[in-house]
Amino acid sequence: MIMEETEVTKFKAGLAVYAKVAPEVKLIIRRYYKGIYYCKFADDPEKKEQALFEREIIELGNSNTTK
């Protein structure tokens, strides 16, 4: 019997987020794979992606983001 692995993620692809280390830079989640979120830069999609763990991400509208 083959069991399909289903991963429950906090953030979905396409969601706008910030990295905790640079909360002024808006990122868009492109993909989640094996515990890592691959994010592209919202203002510069051609720039190399960032690979972040869930604990390194702040969601838009979260009270922890800087204003």
C-alpha atoms as a PDB file:
ATOM      1  CA  MET A   1       0.000   0.000   0.000  1.00  0.00           C
ATOM      2  CA  ILE A   2       1.368   3.429  -0.973  1.00  0.00           C
ATOM      3  CA  MET A   3       0.616   6.261   1.413  1.00  0.00           C
ATOM      4  CA  GLU A   4       0.474   9.727  -0.032  1.00  0.00           C
ATOM      5  CA  GLU A   5       2.196  12.348   2.088  1.00  0.00           C
ATOM      6  CA  THR A   6       0.019  15.402   2.648  1.00  0.00           C
ATOM      7  CA  GLU A   7       1.659  18.438   4.163  1.00  0.00           C
ATOM      8  CA  VAL A   8      -0.381  20.923   6.141  1.00  0.00           C
ATOM      9  CA  THR A   9       1.123  24.366   5.745  1.00  0.00           C
ATOM     10  CA  LYS A  10       0.407  27.608   7.539  1.00  0.00           C
ATOM     11  CA  PHE A  11       1.053  29.743   4.452  1.00  0.00           C
ATOM     12  CA  LYS A  12      -0.342  29.028   0.973  1.00  0.00           C
ATOM     13  CA  ALA A  13       1.277  29.720  -2.397  1.00  0.00           C
ATOM     14  CA  GLY A  14       0.542  33.240  -3.614  1.00  0.00           C
ATOM     15  CA  LEU A  15       0.270  34.711  -0.119  1.00  0.00           C
ATOM     16  CA  ALA A  16       2.118  37.980   0.548  1.00  0.00           C
ATOM     17  CA  VAL A  17       4.396  37.784   3.607  1.00  0.00           C
ATOM     18  CA  TYR A  18       7.514  39.338   5.174  1.00  0.00           C
ATOM     19  CA  ALA A  19      10.722  37.749   6.451  1.00  0.00           C
ATOM     20  CA  LYS A  20      11.319  38.505  10.139  1.00  0.00           C
ATOM     21  CA  VAL A  21      14.869  39.670   9.365  1.00  0.00           C
ATOM     22  CA  ALA A  22      13.646  42.205   6.770  1.00  0.00           C
ATOM     23  CA  PRO A  23      10.013  43.108   7.554  1.00  0.00           C
ATOM     24  CA  GLU A  24      10.095  46.044   5.122  1.00  0.00           C
ATOM     25  CA  VAL A  25      10.541  43.720   2.091  1.00  0.00           C
ATOM     26  CA  LYS A  26       7.340  42.160   0.748  1.00  0.00           C
ATOM     27  CA  LEU A  27       7.638  38.547  -0.407  1.00  0.00           C
ATOM     28  CA  ILE A  28       5.228  36.266  -2.271  1.00  0.00           C
ATOM     29  CA  ILE A  29       5.225  32.564  -1.432  1.00  0.00           C
ATOM     30  CA  ARG A  30       5.798  30.603  -4.606  1.00  0.00           C
ATOM     31  CA  ARG A  31       6.074  27.077  -3.251  1.00  0.00           C
ATOM     32  CA  TYR A  32       6.333  24.954  -0.124  1.00  0.00           C
ATOM     33  CA  TYR A  33       8.535  21.858  -0.290  1.00  0.00           C
ATOM     34  CA  LYS A  34       9.887  19.655   2.519  1.00  0.00           C
ATOM     35  CA  GLY A  35       9.484  22.253   5.260  1.00  0.00           C
ATOM     36  CA  ILE A  36      10.814  25.203   3.277  1.00  0.00           C
ATOM     37  CA  TYR A  37       8.880  28.100   1.769  1.00  0.00           C
ATOM     38  CA  TYR A  38      10.325  29.442  -1.478  1.00  0.00           C
ATOM     39  CA  CYS A  39       9.479  33.140  -1.794  1.00  0.00           C
ATOM     40  CA  LYS A  40       9.971  35.633  -4.588  1.00  0.00           C
ATOM     41  CA  PHE A  41      10.354  39.363  -4.057  1.00  0.00           C
ATOM     42  CA  ALA A  42       7.111  41.241  -4.753  1.00  0.00           C
ATOM     43  CA  ASP A  43       8.906  44.327  -6.117  1.00  0.00           C
ATOM     44  CA  ASP A  44      11.542  42.394  -8.091  1.00  0.00           C
ATOM     45  CA  PRO A  45      10.289  38.953  -9.236  1.00  0.00           C
ATOM     46  CA  GLU A  46      13.484  38.365 -11.265  1.00  0.00           C
ATOM     47  CA  LYS A  47      15.654  38.571  -8.132  1.00  0.00           C
ATOM     48  CA  LYS A  48      16.850  35.249  -6.685  1.00  0.00           C
ATOM     49  CA  GLU A  49      14.252  33.649  -4.398  1.00  0.00           C
ATOM     50  CA  GLN A  50      14.560  33.362  -0.656  1.00  0.00           C
ATOM     51  CA  ALA A  51      14.145  30.008   1.058  1.00  0.00           C
ATOM     52  CA  LEU A  52      12.597  30.420   4.508  1.00  0.00           C
ATOM     53  CA  PHE A  53      11.328  28.225   7.308  1.00  0.00           C
ATOM     54  CA  GLU A  54       7.853  28.892   8.712  1.00  0.00           C
ATOM     55  CA  ARG A  55       9.317  30.406  11.895  1.00  0.00           C
ATOM     56  CA  GLU A  56      11.143  33.035   9.786  1.00  0.00           C
ATOM     57  CA  ILE A  57       7.963  34.396   8.154  1.00  0.00           C
ATOM     58  CA  ILE A  58       5.537  37.109   9.275  1.00  0.00           C
ATOM     59  CA  GLU A  59       2.122  37.213   7.624  1.00  0.00           C
ATOM     60  CA  LEU A  60       0.757  40.489   6.212  1.00  0.00           C
ATOM     61  CA  GLY A  61      -1.574  42.187   8.660  1.00  0.00           C
ATOM     62  CA  ASN A  62       0.060  40.435  11.607  1.00  0.00           C
ATOM     63  CA  SER A  63       0.485  42.701  14.619  1.00  0.00           C
ATOM     64  CA  ASN A  64       4.211  41.803  14.703  1.00  0.00           C
ATOM     65  CA  THR A  65       4.966  43.547  11.412  1.00  0.00           C
ATOM     66  CA  THR A  66       6.437  47.012  11.440  1.00  0.00           C
ATOM     67  CA  LYS A  67       4.342  49.853  10.122  1.00  0.00           C
END
